[in-house]
C-alpha atoms as a PDB file:
ATOM      1  CA  UNK A   1      -9.798   4.918 -12.953  1.00  0.00           C
ATOM      2  CA  UNK A   2     -13.445   4.097 -12.338  1.00  0.00           C
ATOM      3  CA  UNK A   3     -13.300   5.809  -8.945  1.00  0.00           C
ATOM      4  CA  UNK A   4     -12.518   9.121 -10.681  1.00  0.00           C
ATOM      5  CA  UNK A   5     -15.275   8.762 -13.237  1.00  0.00           C
ATOM      6  CA  UNK A   6     -17.755   7.826 -10.491  1.00  0.00           C
ATOM      7  CA  UNK A   7     -16.621  10.711  -8.234  1.00  0.00           C
ATOM      8  CA  UNK A   8     -15.795   8.206  -5.496  1.00  0.00           C
ATOM      9  CA  UNK A   9     -13.278   8.469  -2.673  1.00  0.00           C
ATOM     10  CA  UNK A  10     -10.437   6.091  -1.991  1.00  0.00           C
ATOM     11  CA  UNK A  11      -9.100   5.933   1.557  1.00  0.00           C
ATOM     12  CA  UNK A  12      -6.107   3.893   2.659  1.00  0.00           C
ATOM     13  CA  UNK A  13      -6.056   3.075   6.367  1.00  0.00           C
ATOM     14  CA  UNK A  14      -3.355   1.190   8.209  1.00  0.00           C
ATOM     15  CA  UNK A  15      -0.397   1.258  10.503  1.00  0.00           C
ATOM     16  CA  UNK A  16       2.727   3.268   9.659  1.00  0.00           C
ATOM     17  CA  UNK A  17       4.958   1.597   7.105  1.00  0.00           C
ATOM     18  CA  UNK A  18       2.268  -0.500   5.441  1.00  0.00           C
ATOM     19  CA  UNK A  19       2.413   1.217   2.038  1.00  0.00           C
ATOM     20  CA  UNK A  20      -0.513   3.651   2.142  1.00  0.00           C
ATOM     21  CA  UNK A  21       1.477   6.513   0.611  1.00  0.00           C
ATOM     22  CA  UNK A  22       2.975   4.178  -1.978  1.00  0.00           C
ATOM     23  CA  UNK A  23      -0.497   3.037  -3.058  1.00  0.00           C
ATOM     24  CA  UNK A  24      -1.798   6.605  -3.153  1.00  0.00           C
ATOM     25  CA  UNK A  25       1.146   7.694  -5.281  1.00  0.00           C
ATOM     26  CA  UNK A  26       0.577   4.755  -7.642  1.00  0.00           C
ATOM     27  CA  UNK A  27      -3.081   5.749  -8.094  1.00  0.00           C
ATOM     28  CA  UNK A  28      -2.064   9.387  -8.614  1.00  0.00           C
ATOM     29  CA  UNK A  29       0.482   8.353 -11.243  1.00  0.00           C
ATOM     30  CA  UNK A  30      -2.090   6.225 -13.075  1.00  0.00           C
ATOM     31  CA  UNK A  31      -4.517   9.147 -12.988  1.00  0.00           C
ATOM     32  CA  UNK A  32      -1.848  11.440 -14.472  1.00  0.00           C
ATOM     33  CA  UNK A  33      -1.138   8.901 -17.185  1.00  0.00           C
ATOM     34  CA  UNK A  34      -4.861   8.860 -17.954  1.00  0.00           C
ATOM     35  CA  UNK A  35      -4.730  12.688 -18.373  1.00  0.00           C
ATOM     36  CA  UNK A  36      -6.506  13.504 -15.122  1.00  0.00           C
ATOM     37  CA  UNK A  37      -5.416  16.560 -13.143  1.00  0.00           C
ATOM     38  CA  UNK A  38      -3.880  15.410  -9.848  1.00  0.00           C
ATOM     39  CA  UNK A  39      -2.803  17.246  -6.689  1.00  0.00           C
ATOM     40  CA  UNK A  40      -0.769  15.397  -4.049  1.00  0.00           C
ATOM     41  CA  UNK A  41      -0.231  17.228  -0.765  1.00  0.00           C
ATOM     42  CA  UNK A  42       0.695  16.366   2.800  1.00  0.00           C
ATOM     43  CA  UNK A  43      -2.224  17.142   5.127  1.00  0.00           C
ATOM     44  CA  UNK A  44      -0.076  19.368   7.348  1.00  0.00           C
ATOM     45  CA  UNK A  45       0.911  21.560   4.388  1.00  0.00           C
ATOM     46  CA  UNK A  46      -2.675  21.778   3.208  1.00  0.00           C
ATOM     47  CA  UNK A  47      -3.994  22.787   6.635  1.00  0.00           C
ATOM     48  CA  UNK A  48      -1.263  25.396   7.053  1.00  0.00           C
ATOM     49  CA  UNK A  49      -2.021  26.803   3.597  1.00  0.00           C
ATOM     50  CA  UNK A  50      -5.728  27.003   4.392  1.00  0.00           C
ATOM     51  CA  UNK A  51      -5.117  28.631   7.775  1.00  0.00           C
ATOM     52  CA  UNK A  52      -2.878  31.214   6.105  1.00  0.00           C
ATOM     53  CA  UNK A  53      -5.503  31.813   3.418  1.00  0.00           C
ATOM     54  CA  UNK A  54      -8.119  32.314   6.109  1.00  0.00           C
ATOM     55  CA  UNK A  55      -5.817  34.751   7.909  1.00  0.00           C
ATOM     56  CA  UNK A  56      -5.220  36.747   4.703  1.00  0.00           C
ATOM     57  CA  UNK A  57      -8.867  36.536   3.644  1.00  0.00           C
ATOM     58  CA  UNK A  58      -8.058  34.512   0.527  1.00  0.00           C
ATOM     59  CA  UNK A  59      -9.781  31.319   1.607  1.00  0.00           C
ATOM     60  CA  UNK A  60     -12.149  31.267  -1.380  1.00  0.00           C
ATOM     61  CA  UNK A  61      -9.383  31.081  -3.998  1.00  0.00           C
ATOM     62  CA  UNK A  62      -7.448  28.572  -1.871  1.00  0.00           C
ATOM     63  CA  UNK A  63     -10.477  26.274  -1.668  1.00  0.00           C
ATOM     64  CA  UNK A  64     -11.086  26.621  -5.417  1.00  0.00           C
ATOM     65  CA  UNK A  65      -7.498  25.446  -6.062  1.00  0.00           C
ATOM     66  CA  UNK A  66      -8.282  22.307  -4.073  1.00  0.00           C
ATOM     67  CA  UNK A  67     -11.519  21.780  -5.997  1.00  0.00           C
ATOM     68  CA  UNK A  68      -9.863  21.817  -9.451  1.00  0.00           C
ATOM     69  CA  UNK A  69      -8.047  18.475  -9.610  1.00  0.00           C
ATOM     70  CA  UNK A  70      -9.850  15.314 -10.627  1.00  0.00           C
ATOM     71  CA  UNK A  71      -7.784  13.464  -8.007  1.00  0.00           C
ATOM     72  CA  UNK A  72      -6.797  15.055  -4.704  1.00  0.00           C
ATOM     73  CA  UNK A  73      -4.423  12.993  -2.577  1.00  0.00           C
ATOM     74  CA  UNK A  74      -4.129  14.148   1.038  1.00  0.00           C
ATOM     75  CA  UNK A  75      -1.269  12.279   2.653  1.00  0.00           C
ATOM     76  CA  UNK A  76      -0.387  11.758   6.313  1.00  0.00           C
ATOM     77  CA  UNK A  77      -3.748  12.666   7.872  1.00  0.00           C
ATOM     78  CA  UNK A  78      -2.575  11.047  11.087  1.00  0.00           C
ATOM     79  CA  UNK A  79      -0.056  13.846  11.544  1.00  0.00           C
ATOM     80  CA  UNK A  80      -2.895  16.360  11.788  1.00  0.00           C
ATOM     81  CA  UNK A  81      -4.409  14.413  14.691  1.00  0.00           C
ATOM     82  CA  UNK A  82      -1.034  14.268  16.424  1.00  0.00           C
ATOM     83  CA  UNK A  83      -0.428  17.989  15.929  1.00  0.00           C
ATOM     84  CA  UNK A  84      -3.921  18.808  17.215  1.00  0.00           C
ATOM     85  CA  UNK A  85      -3.332  16.707  20.295  1.00  0.00           C
ATOM     86  CA  UNK A  86      -0.069  18.590  20.885  1.00  0.00           C
ATOM     87  CA  UNK A  87      -1.830  21.911  20.142  1.00  0.00           C
ATOM     88  CA  UNK A  88       0.706  22.822  17.444  1.00  0.00           C
ATOM     89  CA  UNK A  89      -1.951  23.928  14.948  1.00  0.00           C
END
């Protein structure tokens, strides 16, 4: 868990079906087992939560919730790009 102690980022890039989520979940599990606080969230859910917090003027507390965990896993970032291209967000 050196990446946590060093405050470093880990990014998995690759084509669909190559195991990026599986690897991220494995790192998150190891971090939990090492007593680190972990948050795992799909990017779409996180963006929707932040947009709703902005709409309700509670963005500060929402951002603080994302700042608390030692490990923050944001999954499926590619879906955000697809949704933006389709103008769903």
